[in-house]
Protein backbone atom coordinates (compact mmCIF):
# COMPACT_ATOMS: atom_id res chain seq x y z
CA MET A 1 104.55 222.08 114.25
CA LEU A 2 107.84 219.79 114.24
CA SER A 3 106.34 217.63 116.77
CA ILE A 4 103.02 216.82 114.81
CA SER A 5 104.88 216.06 111.72
CA TYR A 6 107.15 213.91 113.42
CA TYR A 7 103.98 211.92 115.01
CA ARG A 8 102.67 211.36 111.49
CA CYS A 9 105.90 210.10 110.22
CA ASN A 10 106.07 207.71 113.17
CA SER A 11 102.40 206.54 112.75
CA MET A 12 103.07 205.58 109.01
CA THR A 13 105.95 203.81 109.91
CA ILE A 14 103.89 201.71 112.55
CA GLN A 15 101.24 201.21 109.97
CA ALA A 16 104.07 199.87 107.43
CA TYR A 17 105.61 197.83 110.06
CA GLN A 18 102.00 195.98 111.06
CA MET A 19 101.62 195.54 107.24
CA ASN A 20 105.09 193.92 106.55
CA ILE A 21 104.31 191.65 109.69
CA ARG A 22 101.06 190.20 108.28
CA ILE A 23 102.53 189.80 104.84
CA LEU A 24 105.62 187.78 106.49
CA ALA A 25 103.60 185.59 108.96
CA ILE A 26 102.52 182.70 106.59
CA PRO A 27 106.08 182.49 104.95
CA THR A 28 107.76 182.60 108.30
CA LEU A 29 105.29 180.04 109.81
CA CYS A 30 106.12 177.71 106.80
CA VAL A 31 109.87 177.83 107.25
CA LEU A 32 109.47 177.31 110.90
CA LEU A 33 107.67 173.99 110.21
CA LEU A 34 110.23 173.17 107.68
CA LEU A 35 113.08 173.84 110.25
CA THR A 36 111.62 171.48 112.92
CA SER A 37 111.81 168.38 110.42
CA CYS A 38 108.38 167.47 111.52
CA ILE A 39 104.95 168.11 109.73
CA MET A 40 101.31 166.55 110.76
CA ILE A 41 98.46 167.61 109.30
CA PRO A 42 95.23 165.83 110.85
CA ILE A 43 92.11 165.85 108.03
CA PRO A 44 88.85 165.02 109.38
CA THR A 45 86.74 162.35 107.50
CA PRO A 46 83.22 161.12 107.53
CA GLU A 47 82.93 158.07 110.06
CA SER A 48 82.11 155.66 107.72
CA LYS A 49 85.37 153.22 108.39
CA ILE A 50 85.01 150.59 111.23
CA LEU A 51 88.40 150.44 112.87
CA ALA A 52 87.77 147.90 115.53
CA GLY A 53 84.75 145.99 117.07
CA LYS A 54 81.06 145.99 116.12
CA PRO A 55 78.86 149.12 115.84
CA VAL A 56 75.47 149.09 117.75
CA THR A 57 72.54 149.92 115.32
CA ASP A 58 69.56 152.24 116.18
CA GLU A 59 67.62 149.00 116.00
CA GLN A 60 69.46 147.48 119.18
CA LEU A 61 69.50 150.49 121.01
CA ASP A 62 65.38 150.58 120.58
CA PHE A 63 65.48 147.06 122.18
CA LEU A 64 67.34 148.25 125.35
CA ASN A 65 64.26 150.69 126.09
CA LEU A 66 61.90 147.51 126.58
CA ASN A 67 64.18 146.73 129.73
CA PRO A 68 65.18 143.22 128.58
CA THR A 69 67.13 140.85 131.04
CA LYS A 70 70.87 140.20 130.78
CA GLN A 71 70.35 137.23 128.92
CA GLU A 72 67.99 138.71 126.62
CA VAL A 73 70.82 141.76 125.64
CA MET A 74 73.44 138.97 125.15
CA GLU A 75 71.19 136.93 122.71
CA ARG A 76 70.69 140.15 120.79
CA LEU A 77 74.27 142.14 121.11
CA GLY A 78 76.20 139.09 121.54
CA ASN A 79 79.03 138.96 124.09
CA PRO A 80 79.82 142.47 125.79
CA SER A 81 83.49 143.74 125.14
CA PHE A 82 83.72 143.90 129.04
CA ILE A 83 81.79 142.83 132.10
CA TRP A 84 82.02 144.77 135.36
CA GLU A 85 80.18 142.00 137.88
CA ASP A 86 80.48 144.39 140.84
CA LYS A 87 78.44 147.21 139.16
CA ARG A 88 76.52 144.77 136.81
CA ILE A 89 77.54 146.63 133.86
CA PHE A 90 78.27 145.32 130.28
CA THR A 91 79.91 147.58 127.61
CA TYR A 92 80.26 146.87 123.78
CA ASN A 93 83.16 148.99 122.22
CA TRP A 94 83.94 150.03 118.78
CA ASP A 95 86.00 152.51 117.04
CA MET A 96 85.09 154.54 113.89
CA ARG A 97 87.84 156.37 111.94
CA GLN A 98 86.91 160.36 112.66
CA GLY A 99 90.04 161.64 110.52
CA ILE A 100 93.52 160.76 109.30
CA LEU A 101 96.92 162.18 110.21
CA ILE A 102 99.53 162.81 107.63
CA TRP A 103 102.99 162.87 109.05
CA ALA A 104 106.56 163.45 107.79
CA VAL A 105 109.92 163.59 109.61
CA GLY A 106 113.15 164.67 108.04
CA ALA A 107 116.71 165.26 108.97
CA MET A 108 119.99 166.17 107.73
CA THR A 109 122.61 163.35 108.06
CA ALA A 110 126.45 164.15 108.99
CA SER A 111 127.51 163.54 105.45
CA GLY A 112 125.30 166.49 104.34
CA GLY A 113 122.44 164.26 102.98
CA ALA A 114 118.69 163.92 104.12
CA ALA A 115 116.83 161.31 105.42
CA GLY A 116 113.24 161.14 106.62
CA GLY A 117 109.95 159.10 106.51
CA GLY A 118 106.15 159.82 106.57
CA GLY A 119 103.03 157.97 106.65
CA VAL A 120 99.06 158.36 107.25
CA GLU A 121 97.67 157.10 110.23
CA ASP A 122 93.78 156.61 111.60
CA ILE A 123 92.42 159.05 114.02
CA PRO A 124 89.88 156.64 116.03
CA LYS A 125 86.95 158.00 117.62
CA HIS A 126 85.91 155.42 120.71
CA TYR A 127 82.53 154.47 121.09
CA LEU A 128 81.07 152.32 123.88
CA LEU A 129 77.48 151.28 124.77
CA LEU A 130 77.11 151.10 128.23
CA ILE A 131 74.24 148.94 130.04
CA GLN A 132 73.91 148.54 133.74
CA PHE A 133 71.53 145.93 135.41
CA ASP A 134 69.34 145.95 138.38
CA GLU A 135 69.27 143.09 141.13
CA GLN A 136 66.91 141.24 138.86
CA GLU A 137 69.25 141.22 135.85
CA GLN A 138 66.99 143.72 134.03
CA VAL A 139 68.22 146.97 132.28
CA MET A 140 68.29 149.48 134.53
CA ARG A 141 70.12 152.33 132.42
CA TRP A 142 72.11 152.76 129.30
CA GLU A 143 73.88 154.92 127.12
CA ARG A 144 75.83 155.07 124.24
CA ALA A 145 78.91 157.34 124.54
CA THR A 146 82.18 158.46 123.34
CA ARG A 147 85.33 158.18 125.45
CA PRO A 148 88.02 161.11 124.84
CA LEU A 149 91.21 160.18 123.60
CA TYR A 150 92.91 161.40 126.56
CA GLN A 151 90.95 159.42 129.09
CA THR A 152 91.55 155.42 129.93
CA TYR A 153 88.75 153.23 129.65
CA ILE A 154 88.52 152.26 133.35
CA ASP A 155 88.64 155.82 134.23
CA PHE A 156 85.76 156.49 132.03
CA LEU A 157 83.88 153.40 133.29
CA GLN A 158 84.39 154.45 136.58
CA ASP A 159 83.06 158.14 136.00
CA TRP A 160 79.82 156.69 134.41
CA ALA A 161 79.01 153.54 136.81
CA LEU A 162 76.41 154.58 139.37
CA PRO A 163 77.94 154.28 143.32
């Protein structure tokens, strides 16, 4: 009988402990963020701001389905951002804002004061229109794609190119 009441006492203690952990989790996280002296908050935004390049419209993409020649593509879309002659590939690049990053950094100085800084940065989304031509200089295939932030431009292009 004594061991049963001891067990109940321990189970209540465990429940109380779990409740305390839940209550303290958010304040503890906030204190840890402040102690690191660095805060970064990414905020998603609609893709309405052009950061670089000129976006390709849906009408321009429809034009590519007609298998135009290299010259017709350049007349309609302008000069490409990059030309890979060996693989007969044109690329048109543009970046759109997919979010903003709010950041702040702070530090204590030796004299007991504080110093810091902060700012807001755009988070880009890298778009590419990739067009490959055949030997007769007509569109063989095309794709509008997004390049991951972690992948280099050349690696992305090599992965896309046909052997």
